[in-house]
Structure formats: C-alpha cells, structure tokens
Protein backbone atom coordinates (compact mmCIF):
# COMPACT_ATOMS: atom_id res chain seq x y z
CA GLN A 1 -6.89 -23.00 31.22
CA VAL A 2 -7.14 -22.79 27.44
CA GLN A 3 -6.23 -19.40 26.07
CA LEU A 4 -5.77 -18.13 22.52
CA VAL A 5 -4.28 -14.67 22.06
CA GLU A 6 -4.14 -13.11 18.60
CA SER A 7 -1.82 -10.30 17.59
CA GLY A 8 -0.37 -8.68 14.49
CA GLY A 9 -3.39 -6.94 13.06
CA GLY A 10 -3.36 -3.36 11.88
CA LEU A 11 -3.82 -0.99 8.98
CA VAL A 12 -2.16 -1.87 5.70
CA GLN A 13 -2.42 -0.56 2.15
CA PRO A 14 -3.83 -2.72 -0.65
CA GLY A 15 -1.15 -5.06 -1.95
CA GLY A 16 0.61 -5.09 1.40
CA SER A 17 1.36 -7.90 3.83
CA LEU A 18 0.72 -8.74 7.46
CA ARG A 19 1.51 -11.68 9.68
CA LEU A 20 -0.96 -12.64 12.38
CA SER A 21 0.03 -14.69 15.40
CA CYS A 22 -2.06 -16.83 17.72
CA ALA A 23 -0.34 -17.81 20.96
CA ALA A 24 -2.02 -20.90 22.41
CA SER A 25 -1.97 -22.07 26.03
CA GLU A 26 -3.01 -25.56 27.15
CA ILE A 27 -3.53 -26.63 23.53
CA SER A 28 -1.66 -29.44 21.84
CA PHE A 29 -1.28 -29.00 18.09
CA SER A 30 -0.96 -32.77 17.84
CA ILE A 31 -4.59 -33.08 18.92
CA TYR A 32 -6.35 -29.86 17.90
CA ALA A 33 -6.98 -28.40 14.48
CA MET A 34 -6.02 -24.73 14.47
CA SER A 35 -7.76 -22.30 12.19
CA TRP A 36 -8.04 -18.65 11.30
CA ASN A 37 -11.48 -17.24 10.68
CA ARG A 38 -12.67 -13.74 9.87
CA GLN A 39 -15.76 -11.65 10.29
CA ALA A 40 -16.48 -8.40 8.50
CA PRO A 41 -19.12 -5.99 9.84
CA GLY A 42 -22.62 -7.28 9.14
CA LYS A 43 -21.36 -10.57 7.74
CA GLN A 44 -21.00 -14.11 9.04
CA ARG A 45 -17.75 -15.49 10.37
CA ASP A 46 -15.93 -17.41 7.64
CA LEU A 47 -13.15 -19.96 7.73
CA VAL A 48 -9.96 -18.57 6.20
CA ALA A 49 -7.43 -21.37 6.71
CA VAL A 50 -6.94 -24.43 8.89
CA VAL A 51 -3.98 -26.61 9.83
CA PHE A 52 -5.04 -30.03 11.02
CA SER A 53 -3.37 -32.09 13.73
CA ASP A 54 -1.52 -34.09 11.07
CA GLY A 55 -0.10 -30.88 9.57
CA SER A 56 -2.24 -30.81 6.46
CA THR A 57 -3.80 -27.50 5.51
CA HIS A 58 -6.91 -26.17 3.82
CA TYR A 59 -7.66 -22.69 2.53
CA ALA A 60 -10.79 -20.84 1.56
CA ASP A 61 -10.87 -20.14 -2.15
CA PHE A 62 -10.78 -16.39 -1.59
CA VAL A 63 -7.31 -16.56 0.02
CA LYS A 64 -5.65 -19.38 -1.91
CA GLY A 65 -2.27 -18.33 -3.19
CA ARG A 66 -2.17 -15.23 -0.97
CA PHE A 67 -2.35 -16.49 2.64
CA THR A 68 -0.29 -19.17 4.36
CA ILE A 69 -1.09 -20.83 7.68
CA SER A 70 1.70 -22.36 9.73
CA ARG A 71 2.36 -23.51 13.26
CA ASP A 72 5.35 -23.63 15.56
CA LYS A 73 5.02 -26.45 18.05
CA PHE A 74 7.88 -25.19 20.20
CA GLU A 75 6.40 -21.71 20.51
CA ASN A 76 2.84 -23.14 20.53
CA THR A 77 1.91 -20.42 18.09
CA VAL A 78 -0.06 -20.46 14.87
CA TYR A 79 0.62 -17.89 12.17
CA LEU A 80 -1.26 -16.49 9.22
CA GLN A 81 0.98 -14.85 6.64
CA MET A 82 -1.15 -12.60 4.48
CA THR A 83 0.12 -11.13 1.23
CA SER A 84 -1.43 -9.21 -1.67
CA LEU A 85 -4.04 -7.88 0.72
CA LYS A 86 -7.26 -6.46 -0.70
CA PRO A 87 -9.81 -4.08 0.83
CA GLU A 88 -12.25 -6.99 1.02
CA ASP A 89 -9.86 -8.74 3.42
CA THR A 90 -10.80 -6.13 6.03
CA ALA A 91 -12.27 -7.96 9.03
CA VAL A 92 -11.66 -9.09 12.56
CA TYR A 93 -9.53 -12.22 12.40
CA TYR A 94 -10.11 -14.91 15.01
CA CYS A 95 -8.03 -17.91 15.96
CA ASN A 96 -9.80 -21.17 16.79
CA ALA A 97 -8.72 -24.47 18.32
CA GLY A 98 -11.06 -27.33 17.54
CA ARG A 99 -11.33 -31.00 18.34
CA ASN A 100 -14.54 -32.94 17.72
CA SER A 101 -17.29 -30.89 19.42
CA GLU A 102 -14.82 -28.94 21.52
CA GLY A 103 -13.75 -25.50 20.39
CA TYR A 104 -12.07 -22.37 21.68
CA TRP A 105 -11.87 -18.84 20.29
CA GLY A 106 -9.50 -15.98 20.74
CA GLN A 107 -10.59 -12.38 21.16
CA GLY A 108 -9.76 -11.41 17.59
CA THR A 109 -7.47 -8.90 15.92
CA GLN A 110 -8.57 -6.20 13.49
CA VAL A 111 -7.14 -6.12 9.98
CA THR A 112 -7.94 -3.08 7.86
CA VAL A 113 -6.84 -2.85 4.24
CA SER A 114 -7.23 0.69 2.99
CA THR A 115 -5.45 3.61 1.39
C-alpha cells in the first residue's frame, strides 16, 4: 500500500530554516517523480519543487535559491530544506509521488512563518 508521511513542519521566525521529510512506502524513486507542493488558506495548491526519477530537479521561481529538494533512496525519504523563510511561505506542505496519470498525496504538514 502506497503511503506518504510528511513531518518537520512547525512555527519558525522570518529568516529561519526548516527541513521537511516525506517518508514513502511502496514507492520507487527510480520510477516516480517526487514533489513538494503547498497550499495557503484560500489559495490553490502550488508546486514548490520536484525531483524526477532521473534525479534532475525543478523549482518554482518563488523558492529558487532558498529551498532544496533531495531524496535518500536507502531511507526512501524525500526532503525539502527551506532557508530564508518568509511569512508568505506559510502554508500546508504536501508531498506527492507521481508517474504518468498515477499520483499519491500525503496528509500534509503545516509550516507557519511568523514573529
């Protein structure tokens, strides 16, 4: 059974850092693209970063230079290192595993950037 479990969210001050984790079960990183997405209240869910099956990455313009996506094939975990956090980064962050028309979502983890 496919399962994605996010963790690492929390409250952080502007300029701070957080690392999110997504533990994946029954997912092969050699086949699936793994991404982080976020949704703020009242807004659509947006792609933040993706690591493709070949290891290449893509970032949304609003996080380039601040966030880094990585994966650990042995731990079957995907990470999102977030630095220089801004209040506008506040959202629920979701992990996704995608392959062609097949996709799976985690339950999300809340990130709040505030003083």
